[in-house]
């Protein structure tokens, strides 16, 4: 189902509950705002075929959910650490290309 880093290999396997389980392993409790951001990342993947790195994630979230939610500082607060990697992980997407 997933690879060694727990990124899903099969996008249809994703559910909000699977996201909550992944987040719990990182001591993050997901809210509806988190899920909305994950859905934006999944839509980005559906359109472009790869997980968004930070800049495209900010732009996509701002376009879909509003400028305030698309600010990098807000996203970093919601997904502390490596924001784009965590969003991809929780959204059931492959790791963004430029994330180590």
C-alpha atoms as a PDB file:
ATOM      1  CA  UNK A   1       0.000   0.000   0.000  1.00  0.00           C
ATOM      2  CA  UNK A   2       2.737   2.519   0.837  1.00  0.00           C
ATOM      3  CA  UNK A   3       6.455   2.822   0.410  1.00  0.00           C
ATOM      4  CA  UNK A   4       9.086   2.768   3.121  1.00  0.00           C
ATOM      5  CA  UNK A   5       8.371   6.373   4.096  1.00  0.00           C
ATOM      6  CA  UNK A   6       4.607   5.707   4.231  1.00  0.00           C
ATOM      7  CA  UNK A   7       3.773   7.747   1.145  1.00  0.00           C
ATOM      8  CA  UNK A   8       0.865   6.033  -0.587  1.00  0.00           C
ATOM      9  CA  UNK A   9       1.580   4.333  -3.878  1.00  0.00           C
ATOM     10  CA  UNK A  10      -2.097   4.118  -4.811  1.00  0.00           C
ATOM     11  CA  UNK A  11      -3.918   7.460  -4.679  1.00  0.00           C
ATOM     12  CA  UNK A  12      -7.397   5.902  -4.379  1.00  0.00           C
ATOM     13  CA  UNK A  13      -6.290   4.336  -1.060  1.00  0.00           C
ATOM     14  CA  UNK A  14      -6.393   7.806   0.516  1.00  0.00           C
ATOM     15  CA  UNK A  15      -9.144   8.838   2.908  1.00  0.00           C
ATOM     16  CA  UNK A  16      -9.381  11.673   5.447  1.00  0.00           C
ATOM     17  CA  UNK A  17      -9.078   8.940   8.078  1.00  0.00           C
ATOM     18  CA  UNK A  18      -5.781   7.718   6.597  1.00  0.00           C
ATOM     19  CA  UNK A  19      -4.576  11.339   6.707  1.00  0.00           C
ATOM     20  CA  UNK A  20      -5.558  11.572  10.376  1.00  0.00           C
ATOM     21  CA  UNK A  21      -3.614   8.372  11.119  1.00  0.00           C
ATOM     22  CA  UNK A  22      -0.506   9.703   9.356  1.00  0.00           C
ATOM     23  CA  UNK A  23      -0.821  13.041  11.148  1.00  0.00           C
ATOM     24  CA  UNK A  24      -1.225  11.375  14.546  1.00  0.00           C
ATOM     25  CA  UNK A  25       2.160   9.704  14.011  1.00  0.00           C
ATOM     26  CA  UNK A  26       3.608  13.241  13.719  1.00  0.00           C
ATOM     27  CA  UNK A  27       1.645  14.495  16.781  1.00  0.00           C
ATOM     28  CA  UNK A  28      -0.601  16.657  14.584  1.00  0.00           C
ATOM     29  CA  UNK A  29      -4.381  16.688  14.997  1.00  0.00           C
ATOM     30  CA  UNK A  30      -6.051  17.490  11.696  1.00  0.00           C
ATOM     31  CA  UNK A  31      -8.885  20.010  11.538  1.00  0.00           C
ATOM     32  CA  UNK A  32     -11.255  20.683   8.657  1.00  0.00           C
ATOM     33  CA  UNK A  33      -8.844  23.439   7.539  1.00  0.00           C
ATOM     34  CA  UNK A  34      -6.032  20.854   7.318  1.00  0.00           C
ATOM     35  CA  UNK A  35      -8.253  18.555   5.250  1.00  0.00           C
ATOM     36  CA  UNK A  36      -9.167  21.455   2.935  1.00  0.00           C
ATOM     37  CA  UNK A  37      -5.444  22.084   2.333  1.00  0.00           C
ATOM     38  CA  UNK A  38      -4.865  18.384   1.663  1.00  0.00           C
ATOM     39  CA  UNK A  39      -7.713  18.404  -0.856  1.00  0.00           C
ATOM     40  CA  UNK A  40      -6.104  21.376  -2.643  1.00  0.00           C
ATOM     41  CA  UNK A  41      -2.810  19.444  -2.811  1.00  0.00           C
ATOM     42  CA  UNK A  42      -4.628  16.403  -4.202  1.00  0.00           C
ATOM     43  CA  UNK A  43      -6.343  18.569  -6.838  1.00  0.00           C
ATOM     44  CA  UNK A  44      -2.939  20.039  -7.762  1.00  0.00           C
ATOM     45  CA  UNK A  45      -1.579  16.506  -8.193  1.00  0.00           C
ATOM     46  CA  UNK A  46      -4.587  15.548 -10.301  1.00  0.00           C
ATOM     47  CA  UNK A  47      -3.994  18.504 -12.608  1.00  0.00           C
ATOM     48  CA  UNK A  48      -0.194  18.496 -12.857  1.00  0.00           C
ATOM     49  CA  UNK A  49       0.834  14.904 -12.029  1.00  0.00           C
ATOM     50  CA  UNK A  50       3.198  15.727  -9.162  1.00  0.00           C
ATOM     51  CA  UNK A  51       2.921  16.850  -5.554  1.00  0.00           C
ATOM     52  CA  UNK A  52       3.299  20.606  -5.048  1.00  0.00           C
ATOM     53  CA  UNK A  53       6.451  21.990  -3.494  1.00  0.00           C
ATOM     54  CA  UNK A  54       6.046  24.968  -1.165  1.00  0.00           C
ATOM     55  CA  UNK A  55       5.585  27.812  -3.671  1.00  0.00           C
ATOM     56  CA  UNK A  56       2.986  26.054  -5.822  1.00  0.00           C
ATOM     57  CA  UNK A  57       1.281  24.813  -2.652  1.00  0.00           C
ATOM     58  CA  UNK A  58       0.999  28.388  -1.319  1.00  0.00           C
ATOM     59  CA  UNK A  59      -0.369  29.650  -4.633  1.00  0.00           C
ATOM     60  CA  UNK A  60      -2.875  26.804  -4.994  1.00  0.00           C
ATOM     61  CA  UNK A  61      -4.111  27.173  -1.418  1.00  0.00           C
ATOM     62  CA  UNK A  62      -4.399  30.962  -1.816  1.00  0.00           C
ATOM     63  CA  UNK A  63      -6.348  30.553  -5.070  1.00  0.00           C
ATOM     64  CA  UNK A  64      -8.676  27.928  -3.599  1.00  0.00           C
ATOM     65  CA  UNK A  65      -9.034  28.846   0.077  1.00  0.00           C
ATOM     66  CA  UNK A  66      -8.013  32.497   0.281  1.00  0.00           C
ATOM     67  CA  UNK A  67      -4.850  34.532   0.614  1.00  0.00           C
ATOM     68  CA  UNK A  68      -4.593  34.157   4.399  1.00  0.00           C
ATOM     69  CA  UNK A  69      -4.553  30.345   4.246  1.00  0.00           C
ATOM     70  CA  UNK A  70      -2.083  30.432   1.358  1.00  0.00           C
ATOM     71  CA  UNK A  71       0.582  32.296   3.299  1.00  0.00           C
ATOM     72  CA  UNK A  72       3.660  30.180   3.948  1.00  0.00           C
ATOM     73  CA  UNK A  73       3.710  31.174   7.621  1.00  0.00           C
ATOM     74  CA  UNK A  74       0.132  29.893   8.050  1.00  0.00           C
ATOM     75  CA  UNK A  75       0.917  26.645   6.239  1.00  0.00           C
ATOM     76  CA  UNK A  76       4.060  26.178   8.351  1.00  0.00           C
ATOM     77  CA  UNK A  77       1.978  26.618  11.500  1.00  0.00           C
ATOM     78  CA  UNK A  78      -0.518  24.011  10.308  1.00  0.00           C
ATOM     79  CA  UNK A  79       2.125  21.559   9.092  1.00  0.00           C
ATOM     80  CA  UNK A  80       5.247  22.319  11.169  1.00  0.00           C
ATOM     81  CA  UNK A  81       8.607  21.180   9.891  1.00  0.00           C
ATOM     82  CA  UNK A  82       8.831  20.315   6.220  1.00  0.00           C
ATOM     83  CA  UNK A  83       5.426  21.647   5.187  1.00  0.00           C
ATOM     84  CA  UNK A  84       5.273  20.427   1.583  1.00  0.00           C
ATOM     85  CA  UNK A  85       6.515  16.961   2.572  1.00  0.00           C
ATOM     86  CA  UNK A  86       3.934  16.673   5.360  1.00  0.00           C
ATOM     87  CA  UNK A  87       1.118  17.873   3.116  1.00  0.00           C
ATOM     88  CA  UNK A  88       2.095  15.301   0.479  1.00  0.00           C
ATOM     89  CA  UNK A  89       2.397  12.567   3.093  1.00  0.00           C
ATOM     90  CA  UNK A  90      -0.956  13.320   4.697  1.00  0.00           C
ATOM     91  CA  UNK A  91      -2.648  13.839   1.293  1.00  0.00           C
ATOM     92  CA  UNK A  92      -1.497  10.429   0.062  1.00  0.00           C
ATOM     93  CA  UNK A  93       0.743  11.915  -2.612  1.00  0.00           C
ATOM     94  CA  UNK A  94       4.312  11.104  -3.625  1.00  0.00           C
ATOM     95  CA  UNK A  95       6.991  13.198  -1.964  1.00  0.00           C
ATOM     96  CA  UNK A  96       7.481  16.534  -3.774  1.00  0.00           C
ATOM     97  CA  UNK A  97      10.387  16.354  -6.239  1.00  0.00           C
ATOM     98  CA  UNK A  98      12.590  18.989  -4.603  1.00  0.00           C
ATOM     99  CA  UNK A  99      12.128  17.781  -1.001  1.00  0.00           C
ATOM    100  CA  UNK A 100      14.953  15.767   0.529  1.00  0.00           C
END
